[in-house]
Amino acid sequence: MRVTIDAVDDEPLSAAVSSAVDVVDDRSADLVLAVGEKPLSDAAARGEPRPILPVDVDAEWSCSSDALPEVLASLTDRQLPTVDVHPLVVSTGRSESTAAFDTTLVTSEPARISEYAVSVDGRPHATFRADGVVVASPLGSYGYARAAGGPQLDFAMGLAVVPIAPFATITDCWVLQPPLTVCVERDDPVSVFADTTRLADGRAELTVTVEFGEPLSLVDARLLF
C-alpha cells in the first residue's frame, strides 16, 4: 500500500511507518494520512477523492500515531474499512466554504449576545438568545459542539445545532437534517467561521445556509481492530 502523509511535520511519522507501507508523494498514494484537524479540514475543502485515515484527532474514529505502524501493516492484506462522511457546505450569499467539522456564528465583541433563528428546509424551528451557535457535522460533534453541551453523532446522522452560552436557564440543542439556515435577528456584529476560517461578518441581515457536501471516504479507526 502507498500512503501520503499530510502533517505539519511528517518526517517522524514517515520514518515510523515506512517499514509497513510505502510513503510516497501525494499524487501516487492510495491512502491519505491526515494528522490533526487541519489536514482533515483541508481534505474536505479540496474534495479529496481517496480514502483518508485521521490520525491524532481527539475522537473515537481517529487512530493514534503510536498505533499507526501496526494498523497500516494490518491493512496491507485486506480491504480498507471505509465509511462515507459528509462535510458541510456553508454559504452566506456572498461567500461559500467547506468545513469538515463545524460552522460557528459568534458575536464579534466580547460580553455581547445576539439572537438567532434556525430554520430547517425553510420551516422555522427555534429562536434563542446566546453568545453564538455552532452547527456541527458528525465529525465536528466530537469537538467544540460537544464542549458546548451538544451530542456526539454517528456518521449517518444529521447536524448538531448547539447554542453557545445561551441566555436562558433551560437550554436545548437539536439534531437536524440539512438544509438549514441560521439567521441573525439582532443588530449586533456577528462573525461566521467555517472550521477555523473566518467566512463573513454581519449583523441582522446575515443569513447562513448549511448543507451537506460531497462525501469523504474515511477509514474509521473503530473498525480496524
N, C-alpha and C. Protein backbone atom coordinates (compact mmCIF):
# COMPACT_ATOMS: atom_id res chain seq x y z
N MET A 1 0.84 -1.20 0.00
CA MET A 1 0.00 0.00 0.00
C MET A 1 0.88 1.25 0.00
N ARG A 2 0.44 2.25 -0.76
CA ARG A 2 1.17 3.52 -0.83
C ARG A 2 0.38 4.59 -0.09
N VAL A 3 1.05 5.29 0.83
CA VAL A 3 0.37 6.32 1.61
C VAL A 3 1.12 7.63 1.46
N THR A 4 0.36 8.72 1.62
CA THR A 4 0.97 10.04 1.73
C THR A 4 0.56 10.62 3.06
N ILE A 5 1.43 11.41 3.65
CA ILE A 5 1.21 11.95 4.99
C ILE A 5 1.00 13.45 4.90
N ASP A 6 -0.14 13.91 5.42
CA ASP A 6 -0.43 15.34 5.49
C ASP A 6 -0.32 15.75 6.95
N ALA A 7 0.80 16.39 7.30
CA ALA A 7 1.06 16.77 8.69
C ALA A 7 1.96 17.99 8.71
N VAL A 8 1.97 18.69 9.83
CA VAL A 8 2.86 19.84 9.98
C VAL A 8 4.31 19.40 9.85
N ASP A 9 4.65 18.29 10.47
CA ASP A 9 5.99 17.70 10.37
C ASP A 9 5.81 16.21 10.13
N ASP A 10 6.01 15.79 8.88
CA ASP A 10 5.72 14.39 8.55
C ASP A 10 6.93 13.47 8.66
N GLU A 11 8.13 14.01 8.92
CA GLU A 11 9.33 13.17 8.91
C GLU A 11 9.32 12.09 9.99
N PRO A 12 9.01 12.42 11.27
CA PRO A 12 9.00 11.34 12.28
C PRO A 12 7.98 10.26 11.97
N LEU A 13 6.81 10.64 11.52
CA LEU A 13 5.78 9.66 11.20
C LEU A 13 6.16 8.84 9.98
N SER A 14 6.75 9.48 8.99
CA SER A 14 7.18 8.77 7.79
C SER A 14 8.20 7.69 8.13
N ALA A 15 9.13 8.02 9.02
CA ALA A 15 10.14 7.04 9.42
C ALA A 15 9.51 5.88 10.19
N ALA A 16 8.48 6.19 10.99
CA ALA A 16 7.86 5.16 11.82
C ALA A 16 7.05 4.17 11.00
N VAL A 17 6.44 4.61 9.93
CA VAL A 17 5.54 3.73 9.17
C VAL A 17 6.16 3.16 7.91
N SER A 18 7.37 3.59 7.56
CA SER A 18 7.96 3.17 6.29
C SER A 18 8.26 1.68 6.23
N SER A 19 8.36 1.03 7.38
CA SER A 19 8.60 -0.42 7.36
C SER A 19 7.33 -1.19 7.03
N ALA A 20 6.15 -0.54 7.20
CA ALA A 20 4.88 -1.22 6.96
C ALA A 20 4.29 -0.91 5.60
N VAL A 21 4.52 0.30 5.10
CA VAL A 21 3.93 0.74 3.83
C VAL A 21 4.92 1.60 3.08
N ASP A 22 4.60 1.87 1.83
CA ASP A 22 5.41 2.78 1.03
C ASP A 22 4.89 4.20 1.22
N VAL A 23 5.75 5.09 1.70
CA VAL A 23 5.40 6.50 1.85
C VAL A 23 5.82 7.21 0.58
N VAL A 24 4.85 7.80 -0.13
CA VAL A 24 5.11 8.37 -1.45
C VAL A 24 4.61 9.80 -1.49
N ASP A 25 4.84 10.46 -2.62
CA ASP A 25 4.30 11.81 -2.76
C ASP A 25 2.79 11.73 -2.97
N ASP A 26 2.16 12.86 -2.88
CA ASP A 26 0.70 12.91 -2.82
C ASP A 26 0.02 12.31 -4.05
N ARG A 27 0.57 12.47 -5.22
CA ARG A 27 -0.14 12.12 -6.45
C ARG A 27 -0.31 10.62 -6.65
N SER A 28 0.58 9.81 -6.13
CA SER A 28 0.52 8.38 -6.40
C SER A 28 0.05 7.55 -5.21
N ALA A 29 -0.44 8.19 -4.16
CA ALA A 29 -0.82 7.47 -2.94
C ALA A 29 -2.20 6.85 -3.06
N ASP A 30 -2.39 5.73 -2.36
CA ASP A 30 -3.69 5.07 -2.27
C ASP A 30 -4.47 5.53 -1.05
N LEU A 31 -3.76 6.02 -0.02
CA LEU A 31 -4.36 6.38 1.26
C LEU A 31 -3.71 7.67 1.77
N VAL A 32 -4.54 8.57 2.30
CA VAL A 32 -4.05 9.83 2.86
C VAL A 32 -4.10 9.73 4.38
N LEU A 33 -2.96 9.96 5.03
CA LEU A 33 -2.92 10.05 6.50
C LEU A 33 -3.04 11.52 6.86
N ALA A 34 -4.18 11.90 7.44
CA ALA A 34 -4.42 13.30 7.83
C ALA A 34 -4.14 13.42 9.32
N VAL A 35 -3.03 14.05 9.67
CA VAL A 35 -2.57 14.10 11.06
C VAL A 35 -3.02 15.41 11.69
N GLY A 36 -4.02 15.34 12.56
CA GLY A 36 -4.57 16.53 13.19
C GLY A 36 -5.80 17.03 12.45
N GLU A 37 -6.44 18.04 13.03
CA GLU A 37 -7.70 18.53 12.48
C GLU A 37 -7.53 19.32 11.19
N LYS A 38 -6.48 20.14 11.09
CA LYS A 38 -6.35 21.00 9.91
C LYS A 38 -6.19 20.20 8.62
N PRO A 39 -5.34 19.15 8.57
CA PRO A 39 -5.27 18.36 7.33
C PRO A 39 -6.61 17.73 6.95
N LEU A 40 -7.41 17.33 7.93
CA LEU A 40 -8.72 16.76 7.62
C LEU A 40 -9.64 17.84 7.07
N SER A 41 -9.56 19.04 7.64
CA SER A 41 -10.33 20.17 7.12
C SER A 41 -9.90 20.52 5.71
N ASP A 42 -8.58 20.50 5.47
CA ASP A 42 -8.06 20.80 4.12
C ASP A 42 -8.52 19.74 3.12
N ALA A 43 -8.57 18.48 3.53
CA ALA A 43 -9.03 17.41 2.64
C ALA A 43 -10.47 17.62 2.24
N ALA A 44 -11.30 18.06 3.18
CA ALA A 44 -12.70 18.35 2.86
C ALA A 44 -12.80 19.51 1.89
N ALA A 45 -11.98 20.53 2.10
CA ALA A 45 -12.04 21.72 1.25
C ALA A 45 -11.67 21.41 -0.20
N ARG A 46 -10.74 20.49 -0.41
CA ARG A 46 -10.33 20.17 -1.78
C ARG A 46 -11.10 19.00 -2.37
N GLY A 47 -12.02 18.42 -1.58
CA GLY A 47 -12.80 17.29 -2.08
C GLY A 47 -11.94 16.07 -2.32
N GLU A 48 -11.13 15.71 -1.36
CA GLU A 48 -10.20 14.58 -1.51
C GLU A 48 -10.96 13.31 -1.91
N PRO A 49 -10.61 12.70 -3.05
CA PRO A 49 -11.35 11.51 -3.51
C PRO A 49 -10.85 10.19 -2.92
N ARG A 50 -9.64 10.19 -2.38
CA ARG A 50 -9.07 8.93 -1.87
C ARG A 50 -9.45 8.71 -0.41
N PRO A 51 -9.35 7.47 0.07
CA PRO A 51 -9.61 7.21 1.49
C PRO A 51 -8.66 8.00 2.38
N ILE A 52 -9.20 8.45 3.52
CA ILE A 52 -8.45 9.26 4.48
C ILE A 52 -8.46 8.55 5.83
N LEU A 53 -7.30 8.39 6.42
CA LEU A 53 -7.20 7.86 7.77
C LEU A 53 -6.85 9.02 8.71
N PRO A 54 -7.78 9.47 9.56
CA PRO A 54 -7.45 10.54 10.51
C PRO A 54 -6.52 10.02 11.60
N VAL A 55 -5.54 10.83 11.94
CA VAL A 55 -4.54 10.45 12.94
C VAL A 55 -4.45 11.57 13.99
N ASP A 56 -4.44 11.18 15.25
CA ASP A 56 -4.26 12.11 16.37
C ASP A 56 -5.32 13.21 16.42
N VAL A 57 -6.55 12.87 16.04
CA VAL A 57 -7.70 13.74 16.28
C VAL A 57 -8.39 13.21 17.53
N ASP A 58 -8.84 14.09 18.40
CA ASP A 58 -9.43 13.67 19.67
C ASP A 58 -10.85 13.17 19.46
N ALA A 59 -10.95 11.97 18.88
CA ALA A 59 -12.25 11.35 18.61
C ALA A 59 -12.05 9.85 18.49
N GLU A 60 -13.13 9.10 18.73
CA GLU A 60 -13.04 7.64 18.73
C GLU A 60 -12.70 7.07 17.37
N TRP A 61 -13.04 7.80 16.29
CA TRP A 61 -12.81 7.27 14.94
C TRP A 61 -11.42 7.57 14.41
N SER A 62 -10.58 8.20 15.24
CA SER A 62 -9.22 8.56 14.82
C SER A 62 -8.20 7.56 15.38
N CYS A 63 -7.16 7.33 14.60
CA CYS A 63 -6.07 6.44 15.02
C CYS A 63 -4.97 7.27 15.69
N SER A 64 -4.34 6.72 16.71
CA SER A 64 -3.21 7.40 17.33
C SER A 64 -1.94 7.14 16.53
N SER A 65 -1.03 8.09 16.54
CA SER A 65 0.22 7.91 15.79
C SER A 65 1.04 6.74 16.35
N ASP A 66 0.92 6.46 17.65
CA ASP A 66 1.66 5.35 18.24
C ASP A 66 1.20 4.01 17.67
N ALA A 67 -0.10 3.89 17.38
CA ALA A 67 -0.64 2.63 16.87
C ALA A 67 -0.55 2.52 15.36
N LEU A 68 -0.15 3.59 14.70
CA LEU A 68 -0.22 3.64 13.24
C LEU A 68 0.60 2.57 12.53
N PRO A 69 1.87 2.31 12.89
CA PRO A 69 2.62 1.28 12.17
C PRO A 69 1.93 -0.08 12.18
N GLU A 70 1.40 -0.49 13.34
CA GLU A 70 0.70 -1.77 13.43
C GLU A 70 -0.58 -1.75 12.60
N VAL A 71 -1.32 -0.64 12.65
CA VAL A 71 -2.56 -0.53 11.90
C VAL A 71 -2.30 -0.64 10.40
N LEU A 72 -1.31 0.09 9.91
CA LEU A 72 -1.02 0.09 8.48
C LEU A 72 -0.54 -1.28 8.01
N ALA A 73 0.24 -1.96 8.84
CA ALA A 73 0.69 -3.31 8.48
C ALA A 73 -0.49 -4.25 8.33
N SER A 74 -1.52 -4.07 9.17
CA SER A 74 -2.69 -4.95 9.10
C SER A 74 -3.57 -4.65 7.89
N LEU A 75 -3.42 -3.46 7.31
CA LEU A 75 -4.26 -3.08 6.18
C LEU A 75 -3.73 -3.54 4.84
N THR A 76 -2.50 -4.01 4.80
CA THR A 76 -1.89 -4.36 3.52
C THR A 76 -2.53 -5.58 2.88
N ASP A 77 -3.20 -6.44 3.67
CA ASP A 77 -3.77 -7.66 3.11
C ASP A 77 -5.30 -7.72 3.25
N ARG A 78 -5.95 -6.55 3.44
CA ARG A 78 -7.41 -6.54 3.49
C ARG A 78 -7.94 -5.22 2.98
N GLN A 79 -9.20 -5.22 2.67
CA GLN A 79 -9.83 -4.02 2.13
C GLN A 79 -9.95 -2.96 3.21
N LEU A 80 -9.78 -1.70 2.79
CA LEU A 80 -9.88 -0.60 3.74
C LEU A 80 -11.31 -0.50 4.28
N PRO A 81 -11.49 -0.46 5.61
CA PRO A 81 -12.83 -0.34 6.19
C PRO A 81 -13.26 1.13 6.20
N THR A 82 -13.88 1.59 5.13
CA THR A 82 -14.21 2.99 4.99
C THR A 82 -15.70 3.25 5.22
N VAL A 83 -15.99 4.48 5.62
CA VAL A 83 -17.37 4.96 5.74
C VAL A 83 -17.43 6.32 5.03
N ASP A 84 -18.60 6.66 4.53
CA ASP A 84 -18.80 7.97 3.91
C ASP A 84 -19.19 8.98 4.99
N VAL A 85 -18.49 10.11 5.03
CA VAL A 85 -18.82 11.20 5.94
C VAL A 85 -19.00 12.47 5.12
N HIS A 86 -19.98 13.25 5.49
CA HIS A 86 -20.30 14.45 4.72
C HIS A 86 -19.79 15.69 5.42
N PRO A 87 -18.91 16.45 4.78
CA PRO A 87 -18.56 17.76 5.32
C PRO A 87 -19.72 18.74 5.10
N LEU A 88 -19.56 19.95 5.60
CA LEU A 88 -20.57 20.98 5.45
C LEU A 88 -20.21 21.94 4.33
N VAL A 89 -21.21 22.36 3.59
CA VAL A 89 -21.07 23.49 2.67
C VAL A 89 -21.79 24.67 3.32
N VAL A 90 -21.02 25.71 3.62
CA VAL A 90 -21.52 26.87 4.37
C VAL A 90 -21.51 28.07 3.45
N SER A 91 -22.65 28.74 3.32
CA SER A 91 -22.73 29.90 2.43
C SER A 91 -23.48 31.03 3.11
N THR A 92 -23.09 32.25 2.77
CA THR A 92 -23.72 33.44 3.32
C THR A 92 -24.35 34.31 2.24
N GLY A 93 -24.41 33.82 1.02
CA GLY A 93 -24.90 34.62 -0.10
C GLY A 93 -23.77 35.30 -0.84
N ARG A 94 -22.80 35.81 -0.08
CA ARG A 94 -21.65 36.48 -0.70
C ARG A 94 -20.41 35.60 -0.73
N SER A 95 -20.36 34.60 0.11
CA SER A 95 -19.19 33.73 0.17
C SER A 95 -19.61 32.32 0.56
N GLU A 96 -18.75 31.36 0.23
CA GLU A 96 -19.05 29.95 0.48
C GLU A 96 -17.77 29.23 0.84
N SER A 97 -17.88 28.25 1.73
CA SER A 97 -16.72 27.47 2.13
C SER A 97 -17.17 26.07 2.53
N THR A 98 -16.22 25.14 2.55
CA THR A 98 -16.47 23.78 3.00
C THR A 98 -15.81 23.59 4.36
N ALA A 99 -16.51 22.94 5.28
CA ALA A 99 -15.99 22.70 6.62
C ALA A 99 -16.14 21.23 6.95
N ALA A 100 -15.07 20.60 7.40
CA ALA A 100 -15.16 19.20 7.81
C ALA A 100 -15.89 19.06 9.13
N PHE A 101 -15.72 20.04 10.02
CA PHE A 101 -16.18 19.89 11.39
C PHE A 101 -17.42 20.71 11.73
N ASP A 102 -17.36 22.02 11.56
CA ASP A 102 -18.50 22.83 12.00
C ASP A 102 -18.45 24.22 11.41
N THR A 103 -19.58 24.89 11.54
CA THR A 103 -19.64 26.32 11.29
C THR A 103 -20.15 26.98 12.56
N THR A 104 -19.57 28.14 12.88
CA THR A 104 -19.89 28.83 14.12
C THR A 104 -20.25 30.28 13.82
N LEU A 105 -21.35 30.73 14.40
CA LEU A 105 -21.71 32.14 14.41
C LEU A 105 -21.51 32.63 15.84
N VAL A 106 -20.76 33.69 16.01
CA VAL A 106 -20.46 34.17 17.36
C VAL A 106 -20.36 35.68 17.34
N THR A 107 -20.80 36.34 18.41
CA THR A 107 -20.73 37.79 18.48
C THR A 107 -19.27 38.25 18.38
N SER A 108 -19.06 39.28 17.59
CA SER A 108 -17.71 39.75 17.31
C SER A 108 -17.10 40.51 18.48
N GLU A 109 -17.94 41.07 19.36
CA GLU A 109 -17.46 41.83 20.50
C GLU A 109 -17.66 41.03 21.78
N PRO A 110 -16.68 41.07 22.70
CA PRO A 110 -16.83 40.32 23.95
C PRO A 110 -17.97 40.87 24.80
N ALA A 111 -18.54 39.98 25.63
CA ALA A 111 -19.60 40.33 26.57
C ALA A 111 -20.85 40.86 25.86
N ARG A 112 -21.10 40.36 24.67
CA ARG A 112 -22.31 40.72 23.93
C ARG A 112 -23.07 39.45 23.57
N ILE A 113 -24.38 39.54 23.48
CA ILE A 113 -25.18 38.43 22.99
C ILE A 113 -25.93 38.88 21.75
N SER A 114 -26.43 37.91 21.02
CA SER A 114 -27.27 38.21 19.87
C SER A 114 -28.46 37.25 19.90
N GLU A 115 -29.29 37.33 18.89
CA GLU A 115 -30.45 36.45 18.79
C GLU A 115 -30.38 35.73 17.44
N TYR A 116 -30.66 34.43 17.47
CA TYR A 116 -30.51 33.60 16.29
C TYR A 116 -31.80 32.83 16.03
N ALA A 117 -32.14 32.69 14.76
CA ALA A 117 -33.31 31.91 14.36
C ALA A 117 -32.84 30.78 13.45
N VAL A 118 -33.24 29.56 13.77
CA VAL A 118 -32.87 28.37 13.00
C VAL A 118 -34.09 27.89 12.23
N SER A 119 -33.90 27.66 10.93
CA SER A 119 -34.96 27.10 10.09
C SER A 119 -34.44 25.84 9.41
N VAL A 120 -35.34 24.88 9.21
CA VAL A 120 -34.98 23.62 8.55
C VAL A 120 -35.79 23.51 7.27
N ASP A 121 -35.07 23.48 6.14
CA ASP A 121 -35.72 23.38 4.83
C ASP A 121 -36.82 24.44 4.68
N GLY A 122 -36.51 25.64 5.16
CA GLY A 122 -37.43 26.77 5.03
C GLY A 122 -38.49 26.88 6.11
N ARG A 123 -38.54 25.92 7.04
CA ARG A 123 -39.55 25.94 8.11
C ARG A 123 -38.91 26.42 9.41
N PRO A 124 -39.49 27.45 10.07
CA PRO A 124 -38.93 27.93 11.35
C PRO A 124 -38.87 26.80 12.37
N HIS A 125 -37.74 26.73 13.09
CA HIS A 125 -37.57 25.67 14.08
C HIS A 125 -37.40 26.21 15.49
N ALA A 126 -36.50 27.18 15.68
CA ALA A 126 -36.24 27.69 17.03
C ALA A 126 -35.61 29.07 16.93
N THR A 127 -35.83 29.87 17.98
CA THR A 127 -35.20 31.18 18.14
C THR A 127 -34.64 31.25 19.55
N PHE A 128 -33.43 31.77 19.70
CA PHE A 128 -32.82 31.84 21.03
C PHE A 128 -31.80 32.99 21.07
N ARG A 129 -31.55 33.46 22.28
CA ARG A 129 -30.52 34.47 22.52
C ARG A 129 -29.30 33.78 23.12
N ALA A 130 -28.13 34.11 22.59
CA ALA A 130 -26.91 33.44 23.04
C ALA A 130 -25.70 34.22 22.54
N ASP A 131 -24.53 33.82 23.06
CA ASP A 131 -23.28 34.39 22.53
C ASP A 131 -23.04 33.96 21.09
N GLY A 132 -23.57 32.79 20.74
CA GLY A 132 -23.37 32.28 19.39
C GLY A 132 -24.06 30.95 19.23
N VAL A 133 -23.79 30.29 18.12
CA VAL A 133 -24.35 28.97 17.84
C VAL A 133 -23.36 28.21 16.97
N VAL A 134 -23.21 26.93 17.23
CA VAL A 134 -22.35 26.08 16.42
C VAL A 134 -23.20 25.01 15.76
N VAL A 135 -22.98 24.81 14.48
CA VAL A 135 -23.63 23.75 13.70
C VAL A 135 -22.54 22.76 13.31
N ALA A 136 -22.63 21.56 13.85
CA ALA A 136 -21.54 20.60 13.69
C ALA A 136 -21.96 19.40 12.87
N SER A 137 -21.07 18.95 11.99
CA SER A 137 -21.23 17.68 11.29
C SER A 137 -20.99 16.56 12.29
N PRO A 138 -21.27 15.30 11.92
CA PRO A 138 -20.91 14.20 12.82
C PRO A 138 -19.44 14.21 13.21
N LEU A 139 -18.55 14.58 12.28
CA LEU A 139 -17.14 14.70 12.64
C LEU A 139 -16.94 15.77 13.71
N GLY A 140 -17.56 16.92 13.52
CA GLY A 140 -17.38 18.04 14.44
C GLY A 140 -18.12 17.88 15.75
N SER A 141 -19.05 16.93 15.82
CA SER A 141 -19.81 16.75 17.06
C SER A 141 -18.93 16.25 18.20
N TYR A 142 -17.72 15.79 17.90
CA TYR A 142 -16.80 15.34 18.94
C TYR A 142 -15.95 16.48 19.49
N GLY A 143 -16.05 17.68 18.90
CA GLY A 143 -15.17 18.78 19.27
C GLY A 143 -15.85 19.89 20.04
N TYR A 144 -15.83 21.11 19.44
CA TYR A 144 -16.34 22.29 20.14
C TYR A 144 -17.82 22.14 20.47
N ALA A 145 -18.60 21.56 19.57
CA ALA A 145 -20.03 21.40 19.84
C ALA A 145 -20.26 20.53 21.08
N ARG A 146 -19.46 19.52 21.25
CA ARG A 146 -19.57 18.67 22.44
C ARG A 146 -19.23 19.47 23.69
N ALA A 147 -18.18 20.28 23.62
CA ALA A 147 -17.79 21.11 24.77
C ALA A 147 -18.88 22.11 25.14
N ALA A 148 -19.67 22.53 24.13
CA ALA A 148 -20.76 23.48 24.37
C ALA A 148 -22.03 22.79 24.84
N GLY A 149 -22.00 21.45 24.99
CA GLY A 149 -23.15 20.73 25.50
C GLY A 149 -23.92 19.93 24.49
N GLY A 150 -23.37 19.77 23.28
CA GLY A 150 -24.07 19.04 22.23
C GLY A 150 -23.82 17.55 22.27
N PRO A 151 -24.60 16.78 21.50
CA PRO A 151 -24.45 15.32 21.47
C PRO A 151 -23.36 14.89 20.50
N GLN A 152 -22.84 13.68 20.71
CA GLN A 152 -21.94 13.06 19.74
C GLN A 152 -22.78 12.27 18.74
N LEU A 153 -22.50 12.48 17.47
CA LEU A 153 -23.34 11.91 16.42
C LEU A 153 -22.64 10.78 15.68
N ASP A 154 -23.42 9.78 15.33
CA ASP A 154 -22.94 8.76 14.40
C ASP A 154 -22.82 9.37 13.01
N PHE A 155 -21.98 8.78 12.17
CA PHE A 155 -21.74 9.33 10.84
C PHE A 155 -22.99 9.41 9.99
N ALA A 156 -23.97 8.56 10.24
CA ALA A 156 -25.18 8.53 9.42
C ALA A 156 -26.23 9.53 9.87
N MET A 157 -25.94 10.28 10.92
CA MET A 157 -26.94 11.20 11.46
C MET A 157 -26.81 12.58 10.83
N GLY A 158 -27.63 13.53 11.31
CA GLY A 158 -27.68 14.87 10.73
C GLY A 158 -26.66 15.80 11.33
N LEU A 159 -27.09 17.00 11.69
CA LEU A 159 -26.23 18.04 12.21
C LEU A 159 -26.62 18.37 13.65
N ALA A 160 -25.63 18.62 14.48
CA ALA A 160 -25.88 19.07 15.85
C ALA A 160 -25.90 20.60 15.85
N VAL A 161 -26.99 21.18 16.34
CA VAL A 161 -27.12 22.63 16.44
C VAL A 161 -27.12 22.98 17.92
N VAL A 162 -26.09 23.72 18.36
CA VAL A 162 -25.87 23.91 19.79
C VAL A 162 -25.68 25.40 20.08
N PRO A 163 -26.56 26.02 20.87
CA PRO A 163 -26.32 27.41 21.30
C PRO A 163 -25.07 27.50 22.17
N ILE A 164 -24.34 28.60 22.04
CA ILE A 164 -23.14 28.84 22.83
C ILE A 164 -23.50 29.85 23.92
N ALA A 165 -23.35 29.45 25.19
CA ALA A 165 -23.68 30.30 26.34
C ALA A 165 -25.04 30.96 26.17
N PRO A 166 -26.11 30.17 26.04
CA PRO A 166 -27.44 30.73 25.82
C PRO A 166 -27.93 31.55 27.01
N PHE A 167 -28.74 32.55 26.70
CA PHE A 167 -29.29 33.45 27.71
C PHE A 167 -30.61 32.87 28.21
N ALA A 168 -30.52 31.71 28.90
CA ALA A 168 -31.71 31.02 29.39
C ALA A 168 -31.31 30.06 30.49
N THR A 169 -32.22 29.78 31.40
CA THR A 169 -31.93 28.84 32.48
C THR A 169 -32.05 27.39 32.01
N ILE A 170 -32.93 27.14 31.07
CA ILE A 170 -33.08 25.80 30.48
C ILE A 170 -32.76 25.92 29.00
N THR A 171 -31.82 25.14 28.53
CA THR A 171 -31.37 25.26 27.15
C THR A 171 -31.60 23.97 26.39
N ASP A 172 -31.74 24.10 25.10
CA ASP A 172 -31.91 22.96 24.21
C ASP A 172 -30.81 22.95 23.17
N CYS A 173 -30.53 21.76 22.64
CA CYS A 173 -29.76 21.63 21.40
C CYS A 173 -30.53 20.62 20.55
N TRP A 174 -30.19 20.58 19.27
CA TRP A 174 -31.02 19.80 18.35
C TRP A 174 -30.15 19.01 17.39
N VAL A 175 -30.67 17.90 16.91
CA VAL A 175 -30.09 17.15 15.80
C VAL A 175 -31.05 17.31 14.64
N LEU A 176 -30.59 17.99 13.59
CA LEU A 176 -31.46 18.38 12.47
C LEU A 176 -30.88 17.90 11.16
N GLN A 177 -31.75 17.68 10.19
CA GLN A 177 -31.33 17.30 8.85
C GLN A 177 -31.20 18.55 7.98
N PRO A 178 -30.10 18.69 7.27
CA PRO A 178 -29.97 19.83 6.35
C PRO A 178 -30.86 19.65 5.12
N PRO A 179 -31.12 20.74 4.38
CA PRO A 179 -30.51 22.05 4.56
C PRO A 179 -31.16 22.84 5.68
N LEU A 180 -30.35 23.64 6.36
CA LEU A 180 -30.88 24.52 7.39
C LEU A 180 -30.24 25.89 7.26
N THR A 181 -30.91 26.89 7.84
CA THR A 181 -30.38 28.25 7.84
C THR A 181 -30.36 28.76 9.26
N VAL A 182 -29.38 29.62 9.52
CA VAL A 182 -29.29 30.33 10.79
C VAL A 182 -29.26 31.82 10.46
N CYS A 183 -30.22 32.56 11.00
CA CYS A 183 -30.34 33.99 10.74
C CYS A 183 -30.02 34.77 12.01
N VAL A 184 -29.32 35.87 11.85
CA VAL A 184 -29.06 36.78 12.97
C VAL A 184 -30.24 37.73 13.07
N GLU A 185 -30.84 37.83 14.27
CA GLU A 185 -32.07 38.58 14.46
C GLU A 185 -31.86 39.93 15.14
N ARG A 186 -30.67 40.20 15.65
CA ARG A 186 -30.40 41.46 16.33
C ARG A 186 -29.28 42.19 15.61
N ASP A 187 -29.25 43.51 15.79
CA ASP A 187 -28.26 44.33 15.08
C ASP A 187 -26.96 44.43 15.86
N ASP A 188 -26.42 43.27 16.24
CA ASP A 188 -25.11 43.19 16.88
C ASP A 188 -24.15 42.50 15.92
N PRO A 189 -22.89 42.94 15.87
CA PRO A 189 -21.96 42.32 14.92
C PRO A 189 -21.68 40.86 15.25
N VAL A 190 -21.76 40.03 14.23
CA VAL A 190 -21.56 38.58 14.37
C VAL A 190 -20.57 38.12 13.31
N SER A 191 -19.68 37.22 13.69
CA SER A 191 -18.71 36.63 12.76
C SER A 191 -19.07 35.18 12.49
N VAL A 192 -18.83 34.74 11.25
CA VAL A 192 -19.13 33.37 10.83
C VAL A 192 -17.81 32.67 10.50
N PHE A 193 -17.65 31.47 11.06
CA PHE A 193 -16.45 30.67 10.80
C PHE A 193 -16.86 29.33 10.20
N ALA A 194 -16.10 28.89 9.20
CA ALA A 194 -16.21 27.54 8.66
C ALA A 194 -14.95 26.80 9.09
N ASP A 195 -15.10 25.86 10.02
CA ASP A 195 -13.95 25.35 10.78
C ASP A 195 -13.23 26.54 11.38
N THR A 196 -11.97 26.77 11.08
CA THR A 196 -11.26 27.91 11.67
C THR A 196 -11.15 29.10 10.72
N THR A 197 -11.74 29.00 9.53
CA THR A 197 -11.66 30.08 8.55
C THR A 197 -12.79 31.09 8.78
N ARG A 198 -12.42 32.35 8.92
CA ARG A 198 -13.43 33.39 9.07
C ARG A 198 -14.07 33.65 7.71
N LEU A 199 -15.35 33.35 7.62
CA LEU A 199 -16.03 33.38 6.34
C LEU A 199 -16.72 34.71 6.07
N ALA A 200 -17.32 35.31 7.09
CA ALA A 200 -18.10 36.53 6.88
C ALA A 200 -18.35 37.23 8.21
N ASP A 201 -18.73 38.50 8.11
CA ASP A 201 -19.17 39.29 9.25
C ASP A 201 -20.47 39.97 8.86
N GLY A 202 -21.36 40.17 9.83
CA GLY A 202 -22.62 40.83 9.52
C GLY A 202 -23.40 41.16 10.76
N ARG A 203 -24.60 41.64 10.52
CA ARG A 203 -25.49 41.99 11.63
C ARG A 203 -26.85 41.32 11.37
N ALA A 204 -27.92 42.06 11.55
CA ALA A 204 -29.25 41.47 11.45
C ALA A 204 -29.59 40.99 10.04
N GLU A 205 -28.83 41.41 9.05
CA GLU A 205 -29.11 40.95 7.69
C GLU A 205 -28.42 39.62 7.35
N LEU A 206 -27.65 39.10 8.28
CA LEU A 206 -26.81 37.94 7.98
C LEU A 206 -27.61 36.64 8.08
N THR A 207 -27.56 35.86 6.99
CA THR A 207 -28.19 34.54 6.94
C THR A 207 -27.15 33.53 6.46
N VAL A 208 -27.03 32.44 7.20
CA VAL A 208 -26.05 31.40 6.87
C VAL A 208 -26.81 30.12 6.52
N THR A 209 -26.51 29.56 5.36
CA THR A 209 -27.11 28.30 4.93
C THR A 209 -26.08 27.19 5.08
N VAL A 210 -26.54 26.06 5.63
CA VAL A 210 -25.66 24.91 5.86
C VAL A 210 -26.27 23.68 5.19
N GLU A 211 -25.49 23.04 4.32
CA GLU A 211 -25.91 21.83 3.64
C GLU A 211 -24.80 20.79 3.74
N PHE A 212 -25.13 19.55 3.44
CA PHE A 212 -24.11 18.52 3.33
C PHE A 212 -23.42 18.62 1.97
N GLY A 213 -22.09 18.48 1.98
CA GLY A 213 -21.33 18.44 0.74
C GLY A 213 -21.12 17.00 0.27
N GLU A 214 -20.31 16.86 -0.77
CA GLU A 214 -19.98 15.53 -1.28
C GLU A 214 -19.20 14.74 -0.23
N PRO A 215 -19.47 13.44 -0.10
CA PRO A 215 -18.87 12.68 1.00
C PRO A 215 -17.37 12.47 0.82
N LEU A 216 -16.70 12.38 1.95
CA LEU A 216 -15.32 11.91 2.01
C LEU A 216 -15.33 10.44 2.43
N SER A 217 -14.33 9.70 1.97
CA SER A 217 -14.19 8.29 2.33
C SER A 217 -13.22 8.21 3.51
N LEU A 218 -13.75 7.94 4.70
CA LEU A 218 -12.96 7.95 5.92
C LEU A 218 -12.71 6.54 6.41
N VAL A 219 -11.48 6.24 6.80
CA VAL A 219 -11.15 4.98 7.43
C VAL A 219 -11.44 5.15 8.92
N ASP A 220 -12.45 4.46 9.41
CA ASP A 220 -12.89 4.55 10.79
C ASP A 220 -12.01 3.67 11.66
N ALA A 221 -11.26 4.28 12.58
CA ALA A 221 -10.32 3.52 13.42
C ALA A 221 -11.03 2.48 14.27
N ARG A 222 -12.32 2.69 14.55
CA ARG A 222 -13.05 1.71 15.36
C ARG A 222 -13.26 0.40 14.62
N LEU A 223 -13.08 0.41 13.31
CA LEU A 223 -13.26 -0.81 12.51
C LEU A 223 -11.94 -1.52 12.21
N LEU A 224 -10.86 -1.03 12.77
CA LEU A 224 -9.54 -1.55 12.42
C LEU A 224 -9.10 -2.70 13.30
N PHE A 225 -9.73 -2.90 14.43
CA PHE A 225 -9.24 -3.88 15.40
C PHE A 225 -10.27 -4.98 15.63
